[in-house]
Amino acid sequence: QKCLFPAAGYGTRFLPATKAQAKE
């Protein structure tokens, strides 16, 4: 019934788009 989303990474492969927003 439960699902976990690890979503704390920096998303460096999408810089600069992910500099101030989550890659997710």
PDB file of all heavy atoms in Angstrom:
ATOM      1  N   GLN A   1       0.798  -1.224   0.000  1.00  0.00           N
ATOM      2  CA  GLN A   1       0.000   0.000   0.000  1.00  0.00           C
ATOM      3  C   GLN A   1       0.832   1.275   0.000  1.00  0.00           C
ATOM      4  O   GLN A   1       0.278   2.371  -0.127  1.00  0.00           O
ATOM      5  CB  GLN A   1      -0.915   0.033   1.221  1.00  0.00           C
ATOM      6  CG  GLN A   1      -1.937  -1.090   1.274  1.00  0.00           C
ATOM      7  CD  GLN A   1      -2.914  -0.873   2.401  1.00  0.00           C
ATOM      8  OE1 GLN A   1      -3.873  -0.092   2.287  1.00  0.00           O
ATOM      9  NE2 GLN A   1      -2.680  -1.546   3.503  1.00  0.00           N
ATOM     10  N   LYS A   2       2.165   1.139   0.138  1.00  0.00           N
ATOM     11  CA  LYS A   2       3.005   2.324   0.260  1.00  0.00           C
ATOM     12  C   LYS A   2       4.074   2.337  -0.826  1.00  0.00           C
ATOM     13  O   LYS A   2       4.521   1.286  -1.294  1.00  0.00           O
ATOM     14  CB  LYS A   2       3.676   2.355   1.639  1.00  0.00           C
ATOM     15  CG  LYS A   2       2.685   2.496   2.796  1.00  0.00           C
ATOM     16  CD  LYS A   2       3.404   2.613   4.129  1.00  0.00           C
ATOM     17  CE  LYS A   2       2.409   2.811   5.263  1.00  0.00           C
ATOM     18  NZ  LYS A   2       3.082   2.986   6.570  1.00  0.00           N
ATOM     19  N   CYS A   3       4.473   3.544  -1.197  1.00  0.00           N
ATOM     20  CA  CYS A   3       5.523   3.693  -2.198  1.00  0.00           C
ATOM     21  C   CYS A   3       6.393   4.879  -1.823  1.00  0.00           C
ATOM     22  O   CYS A   3       5.879   5.947  -1.437  1.00  0.00           O
ATOM     23  CB  CYS A   3       4.923   3.900  -3.587  1.00  0.00           C
ATOM     24  SG  CYS A   3       6.144   3.781  -4.923  1.00  0.00           S
ATOM     25  N   LEU A   4       7.701   4.709  -1.952  1.00  0.00           N
ATOM     26  CA  LEU A   4       8.674   5.739  -1.590  1.00  0.00           C
ATOM     27  C   LEU A   4       9.337   6.285  -2.847  1.00  0.00           C
ATOM     28  O   LEU A   4       9.731   5.526  -3.742  1.00  0.00           O
ATOM     29  CB  LEU A   4       9.737   5.142  -0.662  1.00  0.00           C
ATOM     30  CG  LEU A   4      10.716   6.133  -0.030  1.00  0.00           C
ATOM     31  CD1 LEU A   4       9.994   7.052   0.952  1.00  0.00           C
ATOM     32  CD2 LEU A   4      11.842   5.388   0.688  1.00  0.00           C
ATOM     33  N   PHE A   5       9.481   7.599  -2.887  1.00  0.00           N
ATOM     34  CA  PHE A   5      10.147   8.280  -3.996  1.00  0.00           C
ATOM     35  C   PHE A   5      11.395   8.987  -3.478  1.00  0.00           C
ATOM     36  O   PHE A   5      11.291  10.068  -2.882  1.00  0.00           O
ATOM     37  CB  PHE A   5       9.207   9.312  -4.638  1.00  0.00           C
ATOM     38  CG  PHE A   5       8.132   8.716  -5.494  1.00  0.00           C
ATOM     39  CD1 PHE A   5       7.012   8.138  -4.915  1.00  0.00           C
ATOM     40  CD2 PHE A   5       8.242   8.712  -6.874  1.00  0.00           C
ATOM     41  CE1 PHE A   5       6.019   7.581  -5.695  1.00  0.00           C
ATOM     42  CE2 PHE A   5       7.251   8.157  -7.666  1.00  0.00           C
ATOM     43  CZ  PHE A   5       6.135   7.583  -7.081  1.00  0.00           C
ATOM     44  N   PRO A   6      12.574   8.394  -3.647  1.00  0.00           N
ATOM     45  CA  PRO A   6      13.808   9.126  -3.319  1.00  0.00           C
ATOM     46  C   PRO A   6      14.000  10.231  -4.359  1.00  0.00           C
ATOM     47  O   PRO A   6      14.139   9.960  -5.545  1.00  0.00           O
ATOM     48  CB  PRO A   6      14.896   8.048  -3.428  1.00  0.00           C
ATOM     49  CG  PRO A   6      14.162   6.732  -3.416  1.00  0.00           C
ATOM     50  CD  PRO A   6      12.852   7.015  -4.063  1.00  0.00           C
ATOM     51  N   ALA A   7      13.995  11.480  -3.905  1.00  0.00           N
ATOM     52  CA  ALA A   7      14.015  12.601  -4.851  1.00  0.00           C
ATOM     53  C   ALA A   7      14.854  13.749  -4.308  1.00  0.00           C
ATOM     54  O   ALA A   7      14.457  14.909  -4.372  1.00  0.00           O
ATOM     55  CB  ALA A   7      12.586  13.072  -5.125  1.00  0.00           C
ATOM     56  N   ALA A   8      16.027  13.406  -3.782  1.00  0.00           N
ATOM     57  CA  ALA A   8      16.864  14.444  -3.171  1.00  0.00           C
ATOM     58  C   ALA A   8      18.090  14.793  -4.003  1.00  0.00           C
ATOM     59  O   ALA A   8      18.848  15.684  -3.638  1.00  0.00           O
ATOM     60  CB  ALA A   8      17.305  13.997  -1.769  1.00  0.00           C
ATOM     61  N   GLY A   9      18.300  14.096  -5.135  1.00  0.00           N
ATOM     62  CA  GLY A   9      19.518  14.302  -5.912  1.00  0.00           C
ATOM     63  C   GLY A   9      19.575  15.664  -6.578  1.00  0.00           C
ATOM     64  O   GLY A   9      18.570  16.367  -6.719  1.00  0.00           O
ATOM     65  N   TYR A  10      20.751  16.032  -7.036  1.00  0.00           N
ATOM     66  CA  TYR A  10      20.974  17.358  -7.598  1.00  0.00           C
ATOM     67  C   TYR A  10      20.597  17.467  -9.079  1.00  0.00           C
ATOM     68  O   TYR A  10      20.429  18.559  -9.596  1.00  0.00           O
ATOM     69  CB  TYR A  10      22.449  17.750  -7.436  1.00  0.00           C
ATOM     70  CG  TYR A  10      22.867  17.963  -6.005  1.00  0.00           C
ATOM     71  CD1 TYR A  10      23.929  17.245  -5.462  1.00  0.00           C
ATOM     72  CD2 TYR A  10      22.210  18.886  -5.199  1.00  0.00           C
ATOM     73  CE1 TYR A  10      24.320  17.433  -4.149  1.00  0.00           C
ATOM     74  CE2 TYR A  10      22.594  19.080  -3.887  1.00  0.00           C
ATOM     75  CZ  TYR A  10      23.650  18.359  -3.361  1.00  0.00           C
ATOM     76  OH  TYR A  10      24.027  18.552  -2.060  1.00  0.00           O
ATOM     77  N   GLY A  11      20.515  16.358  -9.790  1.00  0.00           N
ATOM     78  CA  GLY A  11      20.192  16.416 -11.213  1.00  0.00           C
ATOM     79  C   GLY A  11      21.249  17.136 -12.034  1.00  0.00           C
ATOM     80  O   GLY A  11      20.944  17.917 -12.933  1.00  0.00           O
ATOM     81  N   THR A  12      22.509  16.830 -11.752  1.00  0.00           N
ATOM     82  CA  THR A  12      23.610  17.590 -12.369  1.00  0.00           C
ATOM     83  C   THR A  12      23.684  17.420 -13.880  1.00  0.00           C
ATOM     84  O   THR A  12      24.192  18.303 -14.573  1.00  0.00           O
ATOM     85  CB  THR A  12      24.953  17.172 -11.747  1.00  0.00           C
ATOM     86  OG1 THR A  12      25.076  15.742 -11.787  1.00  0.00           O
ATOM     87  CG2 THR A  12      25.042  17.640 -10.299  1.00  0.00           C
ATOM     88  N   ARG A  13      23.157  16.313 -14.419  1.00  0.00           N
ATOM     89  CA  ARG A  13      23.222  16.110 -15.873  1.00  0.00           C
ATOM     90  C   ARG A  13      22.303  17.063 -16.628  1.00  0.00           C
ATOM     91  O   ARG A  13      22.379  17.157 -17.848  1.00  0.00           O
ATOM     92  CB  ARG A  13      22.906  14.654 -16.222  1.00  0.00           C
ATOM     93  CG  ARG A  13      24.034  13.690 -15.880  1.00  0.00           C
ATOM     94  CD  ARG A  13      23.753  12.288 -16.378  1.00  0.00           C
ATOM     95  NE  ARG A  13      22.709  11.625 -15.597  1.00  0.00           N
ATOM     96  CZ  ARG A  13      22.246  10.404 -15.872  1.00  0.00           C
ATOM     97  NH1 ARG A  13      22.714   9.745 -16.915  1.00  0.00           N
ATOM     98  NH2 ARG A  13      21.308   9.858 -15.115  1.00  0.00           N
ATOM     99  N   PHE A  14      21.424  17.757 -15.893  1.00  0.00           N
ATOM    100  CA  PHE A  14      20.517  18.701 -16.539  1.00  0.00           C
ATOM    101  C   PHE A  14      20.805  20.152 -16.170  1.00  0.00           C
ATOM    102  O   PHE A  14      19.961  21.025 -16.401  1.00  0.00           O
ATOM    103  CB  PHE A  14      19.062  18.354 -16.207  1.00  0.00           C
ATOM    104  CG  PHE A  14      18.476  17.340 -17.138  1.00  0.00           C
ATOM    105  CD1 PHE A  14      18.585  15.989 -16.860  1.00  0.00           C
ATOM    106  CD2 PHE A  14      17.850  17.725 -18.307  1.00  0.00           C
ATOM    107  CE1 PHE A  14      18.071  15.044 -17.726  1.00  0.00           C
ATOM    108  CE2 PHE A  14      17.324  16.795 -19.179  1.00  0.00           C
ATOM    109  CZ  PHE A  14      17.436  15.449 -18.898  1.00  0.00           C
ATOM    110  N   LEU A  15      21.967  20.413 -15.610  1.00  0.00           N
ATOM    111  CA  LEU A  15      22.343  21.803 -15.368  1.00  0.00           C
ATOM    112  C   LEU A  15      22.467  22.543 -16.699  1.00  0.00           C
ATOM    113  O   LEU A  15      22.888  21.947 -17.697  1.00  0.00           O
ATOM    114  CB  LEU A  15      23.671  21.863 -14.607  1.00  0.00           C
ATOM    115  CG  LEU A  15      23.612  21.469 -13.137  1.00  0.00           C
ATOM    116  CD1 LEU A  15      25.006  21.345 -12.561  1.00  0.00           C
ATOM    117  CD2 LEU A  15      22.792  22.477 -12.336  1.00  0.00           C
ATOM    118  N   PRO A  16      22.087  23.816 -16.760  1.00  0.00           N
ATOM    119  CA  PRO A  16      21.636  24.660 -15.649  1.00  0.00           C
ATOM    120  C   PRO A  16      20.146  24.579 -15.343  1.00  0.00           C
ATOM    121  O   PRO A  16      19.669  25.250 -14.438  1.00  0.00           O
ATOM    122  CB  PRO A  16      21.997  26.064 -16.133  1.00  0.00           C
ATOM    123  CG  PRO A  16      21.828  25.974 -17.616  1.00  0.00           C
ATOM    124  CD  PRO A  16      22.271  24.598 -17.998  1.00  0.00           C
ATOM    125  N   ALA A  17      19.376  23.755 -16.081  1.00  0.00           N
ATOM    126  CA  ALA A  17      17.929  23.708 -15.869  1.00  0.00           C
ATOM    127  C   ALA A  17      17.561  23.318 -14.440  1.00  0.00           C
ATOM    128  O   ALA A  17      16.535  23.754 -13.914  1.00  0.00           O
ATOM    129  CB  ALA A  17      17.285  22.740 -16.858  1.00  0.00           C
ATOM    130  N   THR A  18      18.409  22.478 -13.802  1.00  0.00           N
ATOM    131  CA  THR A  18      18.100  21.984 -12.463  1.00  0.00           C
ATOM    132  C   THR A  18      18.827  22.755 -11.361  1.00  0.00           C
ATOM    133  O   THR A  18      18.862  22.304 -10.222  1.00  0.00           O
ATOM    134  CB  THR A  18      18.461  20.492 -12.366  1.00  0.00           C
ATOM    135  OG1 THR A  18      19.802  20.296 -12.859  1.00  0.00           O
ATOM    136  CG2 THR A  18      17.508  19.651 -13.193  1.00  0.00           C
ATOM    137  N   LYS A  19      19.376  23.906 -11.702  1.00  0.00           N
ATOM    138  CA  LYS A  19      20.080  24.704 -10.683  1.00  0.00           C
ATOM    139  C   LYS A  19      19.132  25.144  -9.569  1.00  0.00           C
ATOM    140  O   LYS A  19      19.507  25.174  -8.397  1.00  0.00           O
ATOM    141  CB  LYS A  19      20.738  25.920 -11.335  1.00  0.00           C
ATOM    142  CG  LYS A  19      21.545  26.786 -10.365  1.00  0.00           C
ATOM    143  CD  LYS A  19      22.278  27.880 -11.122  1.00  0.00           C
ATOM    144  CE  LYS A  19      23.102  28.736 -10.159  1.00  0.00           C
ATOM    145  NZ  LYS A  19      22.242  29.601  -9.319  1.00  0.00           N
ATOM    146  N   ALA A  20      17.902  25.486  -9.929  1.00  0.00           N
ATOM    147  CA  ALA A  20      16.955  25.991  -8.933  1.00  0.00           C
ATOM    148  C   ALA A  20      15.646  25.217  -8.913  1.00  0.00           C
ATOM    149  O   ALA A  20      14.714  25.607  -8.223  1.00  0.00           O
ATOM    150  CB  ALA A  20      16.670  27.476  -9.192  1.00  0.00           C
ATOM    151  N   GLN A  21      15.555  24.126  -9.673  1.00  0.00           N
ATOM    152  CA  GLN A  21      14.336  23.323  -9.629  1.00  0.00           C
ATOM    153  C   GLN A  21      14.686  21.848  -9.615  1.00  0.00           C
ATOM    154  O   GLN A  21      15.762  21.445 -10.061  1.00  0.00           O
ATOM    155  CB  GLN A  21      13.421  23.632 -10.823  1.00  0.00           C
ATOM    156  CG  GLN A  21      13.928  23.098 -12.150  1.00  0.00           C
ATOM    157  CD  GLN A  21      12.855  23.088 -13.229  1.00  0.00           C
ATOM    158  OE1 GLN A  21      11.674  22.926 -12.940  1.00  0.00           O
ATOM    159  NE2 GLN A  21      13.263  23.270 -14.480  1.00  0.00           N
ATOM    160  N   ALA A  22      13.777  21.060  -9.088  1.00  0.00           N
ATOM    161  CA  ALA A  22      13.991  19.616  -8.985  1.00  0.00           C
ATOM    162  C   ALA A  22      13.951  18.965 -10.367  1.00  0.00           C
ATOM    163  O   ALA A  22      13.074  19.279 -11.175  1.00  0.00           O
ATOM    164  CB  ALA A  22      12.919  19.002  -8.093  1.00  0.00           C
ATOM    165  N   LYS A  23      14.884  18.037 -10.625  1.00  0.00           N
ATOM    166  CA  LYS A  23      14.849  17.333 -11.917  1.00  0.00           C
ATOM    167  C   LYS A  23      13.557  16.537 -12.061  1.00  0.00           C
ATOM    168  O   LYS A  23      13.062  16.322 -13.172  1.00  0.00           O
ATOM    169  CB  LYS A  23      16.056  16.406 -12.059  1.00  0.00           C
ATOM    170  CG  LYS A  23      16.078  15.236 -11.076  1.00  0.00           C
ATOM    171  CD  LYS A  23      17.243  14.299 -11.320  1.00  0.00           C
ATOM    172  CE  LYS A  23      17.262  13.149 -10.312  1.00  0.00           C
ATOM    173  NZ  LYS A  23      18.354  12.198 -10.555  1.00  0.00           N
ATOM    174  N   GLU A  24      12.992  16.105 -10.916  1.00  0.00           N
ATOM    175  CA  GLU A  24      11.752  15.329 -10.957  1.00  0.00           C
ATOM    176  C   GLU A  24      10.566  16.159 -11.442  1.00  0.00           C
ATOM    177  O   GLU A  24       9.518  15.609 -11.789  1.00  0.00           O
ATOM    178  CB  GLU A  24      11.433  14.761  -9.574  1.00  0.00           C
ATOM    179  CG  GLU A  24      12.423  13.726  -9.072  1.00  0.00           C
ATOM    180  CD  GLU A  24      13.680  14.332  -8.446  1.00  0.00           C
ATOM    181  OE1 GLU A  24      13.731  15.574  -8.265  1.00  0.00           O
ATOM    182  OE2 GLU A  24      14.606  13.565  -8.130  1.00  0.00           O
TER     183      GLU A  24
END
